[in-house]
Amino acid sequence: MALKKEKTQKLYYSIGEVAQMFGVNESTLRFWEKEFDSIRPRKNAKGTRFYKQEDIDAVRLIFHLVKERGMTLAGARQKLKDNKETTIRQEEIVNRLKQIKEELLAMKEAFSSIGPKEE
């Protein structure tokens, strides 16, 4: 499941909103937070998490490696340690290609609903 883009940019997102963006459980995000230093949401006095865009970007990258590419957490951690920039670029390319695919499928559906002209 790919990230569902938000139409408006917010400063902070709740753990529920982030979980919904990626189609994962909140417990998965809490676990990843322990496993990866790059995810550091702010917490208030009650422990409620508030994710900034950079946290969401880190979650997106981990989601790509673990859920889309099927890597283990240890493998994803090593990949980010060894070659983070290349991994980021690859993830951006994959996401762009998915967007293009969605646009093309939407165009195909729009054209097929028009149908051939009868004369």
C-alpha atoms as a PDB file:
ATOM      1  CA  MET A   1       0.000   0.000   0.000  1.00  0.00           C
ATOM      2  CA  ALA A   2       1.515   3.309  -1.003  1.00  0.00           C
ATOM      3  CA  LEU A   3       1.377   6.502   0.936  1.00  0.00           C
ATOM      4  CA  LYS A   4      -1.849   8.422   0.535  1.00  0.00           C
ATOM      5  CA  LYS A   5      -0.872  12.045  -0.013  1.00  0.00           C
ATOM      6  CA  GLU A   6      -2.430  14.686   2.208  1.00  0.00           C
ATOM      7  CA  LYS A   7      -3.895  17.632   0.327  1.00  0.00           C
ATOM      8  CA  THR A   8      -2.966  20.197   2.983  1.00  0.00           C
ATOM      9  CA  GLN A   9       0.351  20.346   4.746  1.00  0.00           C
ATOM     10  CA  LYS A  10       0.098  20.306   8.510  1.00  0.00           C
ATOM     11  CA  LEU A  11       2.874  21.013  10.970  1.00  0.00           C
ATOM     12  CA  TYR A  12       2.183  17.928  13.079  1.00  0.00           C
ATOM     13  CA  TYR A  13       0.340  14.672  12.497  1.00  0.00           C
ATOM     14  CA  SER A  14      -1.017  12.243  15.079  1.00  0.00           C
ATOM     15  CA  ILE A  15       0.162   8.641  15.186  1.00  0.00           C
ATOM     16  CA  GLY A  16      -3.276   7.596  13.919  1.00  0.00           C
ATOM     17  CA  GLU A  17      -2.994   9.870  10.881  1.00  0.00           C
ATOM     18  CA  VAL A  18       0.485   8.577  10.050  1.00  0.00           C
ATOM     19  CA  ALA A  19      -0.599   4.964  10.506  1.00  0.00           C
ATOM     20  CA  GLN A  20      -3.522   5.567   8.141  1.00  0.00           C
ATOM     21  CA  MET A  21      -1.241   7.181   5.534  1.00  0.00           C
ATOM     22  CA  PHE A  22       0.812   4.002   5.301  1.00  0.00           C
ATOM     23  CA  GLY A  23      -1.862   1.436   6.073  1.00  0.00           C
ATOM     24  CA  VAL A  24      -0.040   0.123   9.150  1.00  0.00           C
ATOM     25  CA  ASN A  25      -0.978  -0.233  12.805  1.00  0.00           C
ATOM     26  CA  GLU A  26      -0.022   2.401  15.360  1.00  0.00           C
ATOM     27  CA  SER A  27       1.908  -0.312  17.202  1.00  0.00           C
ATOM     28  CA  THR A  28       4.056  -0.803  14.089  1.00  0.00           C
ATOM     29  CA  LEU A  29       4.997   2.880  14.142  1.00  0.00           C
ATOM     30  CA  ARG A  30       5.842   2.723  17.851  1.00  0.00           C
ATOM     31  CA  PHE A  31       7.999  -0.348  17.211  1.00  0.00           C
ATOM     32  CA  TRP A  32       9.794   1.279  14.273  1.00  0.00           C
ATOM     33  CA  GLU A  33      10.408   4.330  16.464  1.00  0.00           C
ATOM     34  CA  LYS A  34      12.387   2.080  18.852  1.00  0.00           C
ATOM     35  CA  GLU A  35      14.240   0.372  15.999  1.00  0.00           C
ATOM     36  CA  PHE A  36      15.190   3.432  13.900  1.00  0.00           C
ATOM     37  CA  ASP A  37      16.755   6.610  15.284  1.00  0.00           C
ATOM     38  CA  SER A  38      15.486   8.616  12.311  1.00  0.00           C
ATOM     39  CA  ILE A  39      11.894   8.501  13.610  1.00  0.00           C
ATOM     40  CA  ARG A  40      11.660  10.942  16.504  1.00  0.00           C
ATOM     41  CA  PRO A  41       8.141  12.291  16.968  1.00  0.00           C
ATOM     42  CA  ARG A  42       7.599  14.918  19.629  1.00  0.00           C
ATOM     43  CA  LYS A  43       5.749  13.785  22.714  1.00  0.00           C
ATOM     44  CA  ASN A  44       3.706  15.890  25.095  1.00  0.00           C
ATOM     45  CA  ALA A  45       3.509  15.352  28.863  1.00  0.00           C
ATOM     46  CA  LYS A  46       0.911  12.592  28.360  1.00  0.00           C
ATOM     47  CA  GLY A  47       3.132  10.801  25.824  1.00  0.00           C
ATOM     48  CA  THR A  48       0.996  11.659  22.806  1.00  0.00           C
ATOM     49  CA  ARG A  49       3.151  11.555  19.673  1.00  0.00           C
ATOM     50  CA  PHE A  50       3.254  14.375  17.127  1.00  0.00           C
ATOM     51  CA  TYR A  51       4.964  13.562  13.829  1.00  0.00           C
ATOM     52  CA  LYS A  52       6.676  16.273  11.769  1.00  0.00           C
ATOM     53  CA  GLN A  53       7.166  15.977   8.013  1.00  0.00           C
ATOM     54  CA  GLU A  54      10.746  14.731   8.494  1.00  0.00           C
ATOM     55  CA  ASP A  55       9.433  11.919  10.719  1.00  0.00           C
ATOM     56  CA  ILE A  56       6.905  10.999   8.029  1.00  0.00           C
ATOM     57  CA  ASP A  57       9.675  11.003   5.417  1.00  0.00           C
ATOM     58  CA  ALA A  58      11.675   8.594   7.616  1.00  0.00           C
ATOM     59  CA  VAL A  59       8.614   6.354   8.034  1.00  0.00           C
ATOM     60  CA  ARG A  60       8.070   6.446   4.242  1.00  0.00           C
ATOM     61  CA  LEU A  61      11.631   5.263   3.631  1.00  0.00           C
ATOM     62  CA  ILE A  62      11.398   2.481   6.218  1.00  0.00           C
ATOM     63  CA  PHE A  63       7.980   1.457   4.861  1.00  0.00           C
ATOM     64  CA  HIS A  64       9.496   1.251   1.372  1.00  0.00           C
ATOM     65  CA  LEU A  65      12.358  -0.962   2.511  1.00  0.00           C
ATOM     66  CA  VAL A  66      10.409  -3.222   4.868  1.00  0.00           C
ATOM     67  CA  LYS A  67       6.926  -3.480   3.373  1.00  0.00           C
ATOM     68  CA  GLU A  68       7.472  -2.853  -0.339  1.00  0.00           C
ATOM     69  CA  ARG A  69      10.922  -4.387  -0.818  1.00  0.00           C
ATOM     70  CA  GLY A  70      10.502  -7.076   1.851  1.00  0.00           C
ATOM     71  CA  MET A  71      13.650  -6.355   3.807  1.00  0.00           C
ATOM     72  CA  THR A  72      14.095  -7.306   7.449  1.00  0.00           C
ATOM     73  CA  LEU A  73      14.384  -4.508  10.002  1.00  0.00           C
ATOM     74  CA  ALA A  74      18.079  -5.321  10.403  1.00  0.00           C
ATOM     75  CA  GLY A  75      18.531  -5.246   6.630  1.00  0.00           C
ATOM     76  CA  ALA A  76      16.700  -1.924   6.351  1.00  0.00           C
ATOM     77  CA  ARG A  77      18.785  -0.451   9.170  1.00  0.00           C
ATOM     78  CA  GLN A  78      21.996  -1.594   7.450  1.00  0.00           C
ATOM     79  CA  LYS A  79      20.848  -0.248   4.071  1.00  0.00           C
ATOM     80  CA  LEU A  80      20.130   3.162   5.594  1.00  0.00           C
ATOM     81  CA  LYS A  81      23.482   3.133   7.372  1.00  0.00           C
ATOM     82  CA  ASP A  82      25.475   2.110   4.290  1.00  0.00           C
ATOM     83  CA  ASN A  83      23.801   4.116   1.548  1.00  0.00           C
ATOM     84  CA  LYS A  84      20.970   6.346   2.729  1.00  0.00           C
ATOM     85  CA  GLU A  85      21.104   8.848  -0.150  1.00  0.00           C
ATOM     86  CA  THR A  86      20.834   6.185  -2.858  1.00  0.00           C
ATOM     87  CA  THR A  87      18.007   4.512  -0.947  1.00  0.00           C
ATOM     88  CA  ILE A  88      16.154   7.827  -0.718  1.00  0.00           C
ATOM     89  CA  ARG A  89      16.559   8.429  -4.461  1.00  0.00           C
ATOM     90  CA  GLN A  90      15.361   4.926  -5.300  1.00  0.00           C
ATOM     91  CA  GLU A  91      12.300   5.341  -3.081  1.00  0.00           C
ATOM     92  CA  GLU A  92      11.502   8.696  -4.711  1.00  0.00           C
ATOM     93  CA  ILE A  93      11.770   7.136  -8.175  1.00  0.00           C
ATOM     94  CA  VAL A  94       9.496   4.239  -7.203  1.00  0.00           C
ATOM     95  CA  ASN A  95       6.904   6.653  -5.787  1.00  0.00           C
ATOM     96  CA  ARG A  96       7.028   8.835  -8.900  1.00  0.00           C
ATOM     97  CA  LEU A  97       6.552   5.803 -11.140  1.00  0.00           C
ATOM     98  CA  LYS A  98       3.540   4.744  -9.043  1.00  0.00           C
ATOM     99  CA  GLN A  99       2.052   8.229  -9.488  1.00  0.00           C
ATOM    100  CA  ILE A 100       2.590   8.057 -13.245  1.00  0.00           C
ATOM    101  CA  LYS A 101       0.963   4.604 -13.332  1.00  0.00           C
ATOM    102  CA  GLU A 102      -2.070   5.918 -11.438  1.00  0.00           C
ATOM    103  CA  GLU A 103      -2.366   8.878 -13.822  1.00  0.00           C
ATOM    104  CA  LEU A 104      -2.127   6.622 -16.874  1.00  0.00           C
ATOM    105  CA  LEU A 105      -4.727   4.214 -15.493  1.00  0.00           C
ATOM    106  CA  ALA A 106      -7.053   7.137 -14.774  1.00  0.00           C
ATOM    107  CA  MET A 107      -6.582   8.403 -18.341  1.00  0.00           C
ATOM    108  CA  LYS A 108      -7.220   4.912 -19.727  1.00  0.00           C
ATOM    109  CA  GLU A 109     -10.401   4.622 -17.693  1.00  0.00           C
ATOM    110  CA  ALA A 110     -11.562   8.075 -18.813  1.00  0.00           C
ATOM    111  CA  PHE A 111     -10.981   7.239 -22.479  1.00  0.00           C
ATOM    112  CA  SER A 112     -12.624   3.823 -22.242  1.00  0.00           C
ATOM    113  CA  SER A 113     -15.751   5.383 -20.760  1.00  0.00           C
ATOM    114  CA  ILE A 114     -16.042   7.640 -23.801  1.00  0.00           C
ATOM    115  CA  GLY A 115     -16.144   4.621 -26.120  1.00  0.00           C
ATOM    116  CA  PRO A 116     -15.967   4.601 -29.910  1.00  0.00           C
ATOM    117  CA  LYS A 117     -18.066   7.072 -31.825  1.00  0.00           C
ATOM    118  CA  GLU A 118     -20.959   5.644 -33.804  1.00  0.00           C
ATOM    119  CA  GLU A 119     -21.736   7.246 -37.126  1.00  0.00           C
END
